[in-house]
């Protein structure tokens, strides 16, 4: 099983269009130690032929152009190796790229019923897509393993289980606290070879459900949005803390780094990294701290095989 990091940044990317924080300014000036990044999405395959996208960012066109494995197959006028998209939530930075994949080619979209409803009623991606091409929408049950299917119904070789993560609804959704399936993590297994990936780009806390899913995983691709809880207020960018925005910080006694560092997974990777996060600076103490503890600060184009 292969997993490719298509985009490693949080919403807005690096540099963000309207931001002059130190990281964005350095990336804009061509820094070799703070690299530009597109918005968060990954791709996974069991056979190097058929691929599933996990979230679909607004930067998907550039991400696909940068990965030859995801180009149209040779010998056909049009086509795609993408056979499905799996959504972890309804956030704009994780779903708006679906609108750029509207021109033909049948593949399914997997999401929880809650996310499906929000993308029909409040951000009508589903209805817009239906005007262009067949996009079968498959409900993703919680805590139930399902087979990811190819468009013709054949098995892909990958099993998927979605598990609940605490998190808020998107800003465009009227308040509906506690909606089941608003934010999920994904546990992906390849029974033929025994590999297991956990993908959770939005984590509000290190919950028992997350700990259980991570047990025995070969590859963990985890929320690294903010370094500290007070990151944005301390920089004069907004008033909300990381936790108030639904993201456990990387650092601190209750942060994610100590937990990740304690796990035996072969690959431990931070994604969905906000442009303000100091661990983006490869010469900085925060980057060195993460790397020293066996965790990778993802870059666009990173690949891992298990």
Protein backbone atom coordinates (compact mmCIF):
# COMPACT_ATOMS: atom_id res chain seq x y z
CA UNK A 1 0.00 0.00 0.00
CA UNK A 2 1.30 3.44 -0.96
CA UNK A 3 0.22 6.78 0.39
CA UNK A 4 1.18 10.08 -1.24
CA UNK A 5 0.89 13.46 0.43
CA UNK A 6 -0.72 15.60 -2.25
CA UNK A 7 -0.98 18.67 -0.04
CA UNK A 8 0.39 19.16 3.47
CA UNK A 9 -0.87 22.59 4.51
CA UNK A 10 -4.02 23.72 6.25
CA UNK A 11 -6.61 25.91 4.51
CA UNK A 12 -4.95 28.75 2.62
CA UNK A 13 -1.71 26.87 1.97
CA UNK A 14 1.80 28.31 2.36
CA UNK A 15 2.09 31.15 1.56
CA UNK A 16 -1.51 32.12 2.24
CA UNK A 17 -2.75 34.74 -0.20
CA UNK A 18 -3.46 37.43 2.43
CA UNK A 19 -0.86 36.59 5.09
CA UNK A 20 2.49 38.19 5.86
CA UNK A 21 3.40 36.08 8.86
CA UNK A 22 7.13 35.18 8.94
CA UNK A 23 6.56 31.78 7.30
CA UNK A 24 4.43 33.13 4.46
CA UNK A 25 6.82 35.99 3.82
CA UNK A 26 9.81 33.65 3.73
CA UNK A 27 8.08 31.19 1.39
CA UNK A 28 7.01 34.06 -0.86
CA UNK A 29 10.60 35.24 -1.06
CA UNK A 30 11.86 31.82 -2.16
CA UNK A 31 13.20 30.47 1.14
CA UNK A 32 14.87 27.08 0.87
CA UNK A 33 13.96 26.18 4.46
CA UNK A 34 10.26 27.13 4.51
CA UNK A 35 8.77 25.40 1.50
CA UNK A 36 5.53 26.33 -0.27
CA UNK A 37 2.73 23.88 0.44
CA UNK A 38 -0.72 23.26 -1.02
CA UNK A 39 -3.83 22.45 0.96
CA UNK A 40 -4.31 19.13 2.72
CA UNK A 41 -5.13 15.96 0.78
CA UNK A 42 -3.59 12.52 0.30
CA UNK A 43 -3.93 9.64 -2.16
CA UNK A 44 -3.71 5.93 -1.40
CA UNK A 45 -3.46 2.79 -3.54
CA UNK A 46 -3.15 -0.94 -3.05
CA UNK A 47 -1.96 -1.82 -6.54
CA UNK A 48 -0.26 1.30 -8.02
CA UNK A 49 -3.03 1.43 -10.60
CA UNK A 50 -6.23 2.59 -8.86
CA UNK A 51 -6.12 5.46 -6.38
CA UNK A 52 -8.45 6.89 -3.74
CA UNK A 53 -8.23 10.53 -2.72
CA UNK A 54 -8.66 11.25 0.98
CA UNK A 55 -10.16 14.73 0.99
CA UNK A 56 -10.02 16.89 -2.14
CA UNK A 57 -8.56 20.35 -1.71
CA UNK A 58 -9.00 23.43 -3.85
CA UNK A 59 -5.43 22.82 -5.07
CA UNK A 60 -6.24 19.41 -6.52
CA UNK A 61 -5.54 20.34 -10.15
CA UNK A 62 -1.94 21.32 -9.38
CA UNK A 63 -1.54 18.32 -7.06
CA UNK A 64 -2.61 15.86 -9.75
CA UNK A 65 -0.40 17.57 -12.34
CA UNK A 66 2.58 17.08 -10.00
CA UNK A 67 2.02 13.31 -9.66
CA UNK A 68 2.43 11.25 -12.84
CA UNK A 69 0.73 8.24 -11.20
CA UNK A 70 -2.48 10.28 -11.19
CA UNK A 71 -2.32 11.41 -14.82
CA UNK A 72 -4.86 10.05 -17.35
CA UNK A 73 -3.95 6.49 -18.38
CA UNK A 74 -2.02 6.10 -21.62
CA UNK A 75 -3.91 4.96 -24.70
CA UNK A 76 -7.25 6.63 -23.88
CA UNK A 77 -8.47 10.09 -24.93
CA UNK A 78 -9.75 10.73 -21.40
CA UNK A 79 -9.67 8.85 -18.14
CA UNK A 80 -8.36 8.81 -14.60
CA UNK A 81 -6.79 6.36 -12.16
CA UNK A 82 -8.87 8.01 -9.41
CA UNK A 83 -11.61 5.56 -8.45
CA UNK A 84 -13.05 7.23 -5.36
CA UNK A 85 -12.83 10.13 -2.92
CA UNK A 86 -13.27 9.80 0.85
CA UNK A 87 -14.14 12.87 2.92
CA UNK A 88 -13.33 13.27 6.61
CA UNK A 89 -15.54 16.36 7.03
CA UNK A 90 -17.36 19.06 5.07
CA UNK A 91 -14.76 21.81 5.42
CA UNK A 92 -14.24 23.95 2.32
CA UNK A 93 -10.51 23.16 2.16
CA UNK A 94 -11.28 19.42 2.15
CA UNK A 95 -14.18 19.36 -0.31
CA UNK A 96 -14.10 22.29 -2.75
CA UNK A 97 -11.66 20.49 -5.05
CA UNK A 98 -14.45 18.10 -6.02
CA UNK A 99 -15.78 20.90 -8.24
CA UNK A 100 -12.55 20.74 -10.24
CA UNK A 101 -13.08 17.01 -10.87
CA UNK A 102 -16.43 17.56 -12.58
CA UNK A 103 -15.57 16.71 -16.21
CA UNK A 104 -16.70 13.14 -16.76
CA UNK A 105 -15.19 9.89 -15.37
CA UNK A 106 -17.35 8.01 -12.89
CA UNK A 107 -16.08 7.51 -9.35
CA UNK A 108 -17.77 7.37 -5.98
CA UNK A 109 -17.65 9.87 -3.13
CA UNK A 110 -17.66 8.45 0.40
CA UNK A 111 -18.80 10.53 3.37
CA UNK A 112 -20.91 10.26 6.50
CA UNK A 113 -24.62 11.08 6.08
CA UNK A 114 -24.03 14.31 8.03
CA UNK A 115 -21.33 15.52 5.65
CA UNK A 116 -23.42 14.46 2.66
CA UNK A 117 -26.36 16.50 3.96
CA UNK A 118 -24.25 19.58 4.60
CA UNK A 119 -22.73 19.35 1.10
CA UNK A 120 -26.26 19.20 -0.31
CA UNK A 121 -28.04 21.82 1.79
CA UNK A 122 -25.41 24.41 2.79
CA UNK A 123 -22.52 24.05 0.33
CA UNK A 124 -24.32 22.44 -2.62
CA UNK A 125 -21.36 20.60 -4.12
CA UNK A 126 -23.41 17.46 -4.62
CA UNK A 127 -26.07 19.12 -6.77
CA UNK A 128 -23.49 21.05 -8.80
CA UNK A 129 -21.52 17.88 -9.57
CA UNK A 130 -24.63 16.00 -10.64
CA UNK A 131 -25.05 18.47 -13.51
CA UNK A 132 -21.72 17.41 -15.01
CA UNK A 133 -21.06 13.71 -14.38
CA UNK A 134 -22.26 10.74 -12.40
CA UNK A 135 -20.87 10.96 -8.87
CA UNK A 136 -22.40 8.14 -6.83
CA UNK A 137 -22.46 9.20 -3.16
CA UNK A 138 -21.82 6.36 -0.72
CA UNK A 139 -22.75 6.75 2.94
CA UNK A 140 -19.83 6.04 5.24
CA UNK A 141 -20.94 4.22 8.41
CA UNK A 142 -19.18 4.81 11.70
CA UNK A 143 -17.18 2.01 13.34
CA UNK A 144 -17.96 -0.46 10.56
CA UNK A 145 -15.38 -1.84 8.17
CA UNK A 146 -16.36 -1.61 4.50
CA UNK A 147 -14.67 -2.53 1.23
CA UNK A 148 -13.60 0.36 -0.96
CA UNK A 149 -14.96 -0.49 -4.41
CA UNK A 150 -13.85 0.27 -7.93
CA UNK A 151 -16.42 2.02 -10.15
CA UNK A 152 -17.48 -1.35 -11.64
CA UNK A 153 -18.14 -2.76 -8.16
CA UNK A 154 -14.99 -4.89 -8.00
CA UNK A 155 -12.98 -4.85 -4.74
CA UNK A 156 -10.03 -2.47 -4.58
CA UNK A 157 -8.05 -4.47 -2.03
CA UNK A 158 -8.56 -1.80 0.62
CA UNK A 159 -10.80 -1.92 3.69
CA UNK A 160 -11.99 1.31 5.32
CA UNK A 161 -13.34 2.11 8.77
CA UNK A 162 -14.42 5.60 9.77
CA UNK A 163 -14.34 6.53 13.44
CA UNK A 164 -15.78 9.56 15.20
CA UNK A 165 -13.55 12.44 16.19
CA UNK A 166 -14.71 15.36 18.27
CA UNK A 167 -14.93 18.46 16.14
CA UNK A 168 -17.03 21.42 15.13
CA UNK A 169 -19.29 21.85 12.13
CA UNK A 170 -17.99 24.14 9.34
CA UNK A 171 -18.69 27.85 9.64
CA UNK A 172 -21.20 27.72 6.79
CA UNK A 173 -23.41 25.23 8.68
CA UNK A 174 -25.97 26.50 11.21
CA UNK A 175 -25.14 25.48 14.78
CA UNK A 176 -25.81 21.75 15.22
CA UNK A 177 -23.43 20.71 17.97
CA UNK A 178 -23.07 16.99 18.42
CA UNK A 179 -23.98 15.99 14.87
CA UNK A 180 -22.71 12.42 14.41
CA UNK A 181 -20.03 12.10 11.75
CA UNK A 182 -19.18 15.80 11.52
CA UNK A 183 -15.45 14.97 11.70
CA UNK A 184 -14.06 11.46 11.30
CA UNK A 185 -10.74 9.71 11.13
CA UNK A 186 -10.06 6.95 8.63
CA UNK A 187 -8.50 3.55 9.28
CA UNK A 188 -7.41 1.94 5.99
CA UNK A 189 -6.18 -1.62 5.81
CA UNK A 190 -4.89 -3.87 3.06
CA UNK A 191 -5.82 -7.40 4.19
CA UNK A 192 -3.64 -9.09 1.57
CA UNK A 193 -0.44 -7.65 3.05
CA UNK A 194 -1.57 -6.54 6.49
CA UNK A 195 -0.71 -2.83 6.21
CA UNK A 196 -2.69 -0.21 8.13
CA UNK A 197 -2.88 3.57 7.73
CA UNK A 198 -4.68 6.01 10.02
CA UNK A 199 -5.56 9.38 8.49
CA UNK A 200 -6.90 12.07 10.84
CA UNK A 201 -6.20 15.64 9.63
CA UNK A 202 -8.61 17.22 12.13
CA UNK A 203 -8.14 16.23 15.80
CA UNK A 204 -9.68 18.16 18.68
CA UNK A 205 -8.20 15.84 21.34
CA UNK A 206 -6.28 12.60 21.71
CA UNK A 207 -9.40 10.55 22.36
CA UNK A 208 -9.74 6.89 23.25
CA UNK A 209 -11.19 6.29 19.77
CA UNK A 210 -8.08 7.76 18.17
CA UNK A 211 -5.75 5.82 20.45
CA UNK A 212 -7.56 2.60 19.61
CA UNK A 213 -7.38 3.22 15.86
CA UNK A 214 -3.68 4.12 16.04
CA UNK A 215 -2.80 0.90 17.84
CA UNK A 216 -0.92 -1.36 15.42
CA UNK A 217 -0.89 1.21 12.59
CA UNK A 218 2.08 1.22 10.24
CA UNK A 219 1.53 4.81 9.12
CA UNK A 220 -0.12 7.69 11.02
CA UNK A 221 -1.01 10.84 9.07
CA UNK A 222 -2.16 13.26 11.74
CA UNK A 223 -3.34 16.83 12.35
CA UNK A 224 -0.38 19.19 12.82
CA UNK A 225 -2.27 22.45 12.31
CA UNK A 226 -0.90 24.54 15.18
CA UNK A 227 2.28 24.32 17.26
CA UNK A 228 0.75 25.96 20.33
CA UNK A 229 -2.75 26.55 21.60
CA UNK A 230 -2.33 30.33 21.64
CA UNK A 231 -0.56 30.52 18.27
CA UNK A 232 -2.92 32.83 16.39
CA UNK A 233 -3.82 35.24 19.22
CA UNK A 234 -0.14 35.61 20.13
CA UNK A 235 0.58 36.74 16.56
CA UNK A 236 -2.36 39.13 16.43
CA UNK A 237 -4.20 36.90 13.95
CA UNK A 238 -7.70 36.27 15.30
CA UNK A 239 -8.88 35.54 18.82
CA UNK A 240 -9.51 31.79 18.78
CA UNK A 241 -7.12 29.25 20.23
CA UNK A 242 -6.17 26.04 18.46
CA UNK A 243 -8.49 23.97 20.64
CA UNK A 244 -11.37 26.41 20.10
CA UNK A 245 -10.88 25.83 16.37
CA UNK A 246 -11.00 22.05 16.80
CA UNK A 247 -7.27 21.28 16.62
CA UNK A 248 -5.12 19.82 19.37
CA UNK A 249 -1.75 21.64 19.31
CA UNK A 250 1.48 19.80 18.56
CA UNK A 251 3.40 20.97 21.65
CA UNK A 252 2.67 20.90 25.35
CA UNK A 253 1.88 18.25 27.93
CA UNK A 254 -1.48 17.53 26.30
CA UNK A 255 -0.29 18.09 22.75
CA UNK A 256 -0.01 15.46 20.04
CA UNK A 257 3.78 15.21 19.75
CA UNK A 258 4.42 13.36 23.00
CA UNK A 259 1.68 10.88 22.10
CA UNK A 260 2.91 10.35 18.54
CA UNK A 261 6.51 9.95 19.65
CA UNK A 262 5.50 7.12 22.00
CA UNK A 263 3.93 5.02 19.23
CA UNK A 264 5.82 2.31 17.32
CA UNK A 265 4.38 3.13 13.86
CA UNK A 266 6.99 3.06 11.09
CA UNK A 267 5.79 6.39 9.64
CA UNK A 268 4.42 9.23 11.78
CA UNK A 269 3.54 12.29 9.74
CA UNK A 270 2.07 15.72 10.44
CA UNK A 271 -0.24 17.19 7.78
CA UNK A 272 -2.79 20.04 7.63
CA UNK A 273 -0.06 22.39 8.93
CA UNK A 274 -1.09 26.02 9.27
CA UNK A 275 1.03 28.69 7.61
CA UNK A 276 1.81 30.19 11.06
CA UNK A 277 3.23 26.97 12.55
CA UNK A 278 6.93 27.46 13.43
CA UNK A 279 7.76 23.81 12.78
CA UNK A 280 7.59 24.63 9.06
CA UNK A 281 11.01 26.27 9.40
CA UNK A 282 13.55 23.50 8.82
CA UNK A 283 16.23 25.50 10.62
CA UNK A 284 14.09 26.10 13.70
CA UNK A 285 14.00 24.47 17.12
CA UNK A 286 10.44 23.24 16.65
CA UNK A 287 11.25 21.39 13.41
CA UNK A 288 14.30 19.82 15.05
CA UNK A 289 12.25 18.78 18.07
CA UNK A 290 9.64 17.03 15.92
CA UNK A 291 12.25 15.32 13.75
CA UNK A 292 14.30 14.20 16.76
CA UNK A 293 11.23 12.40 18.12
CA UNK A 294 10.75 10.41 14.91
CA UNK A 295 7.87 12.42 13.43
CA UNK A 296 7.93 13.97 9.95
CA UNK A 297 6.70 17.44 9.07
CA UNK A 298 5.09 16.55 5.74
CA UNK A 299 5.96 18.20 2.47
CA UNK A 300 3.90 18.04 -0.69
CA UNK A 301 4.93 14.98 -2.68
CA UNK A 302 6.08 12.86 0.25
CA UNK A 303 5.36 9.16 -0.25
CA UNK A 304 5.28 6.24 2.16
CA UNK A 305 4.96 2.53 1.43
CA UNK A 306 3.87 -0.16 3.87
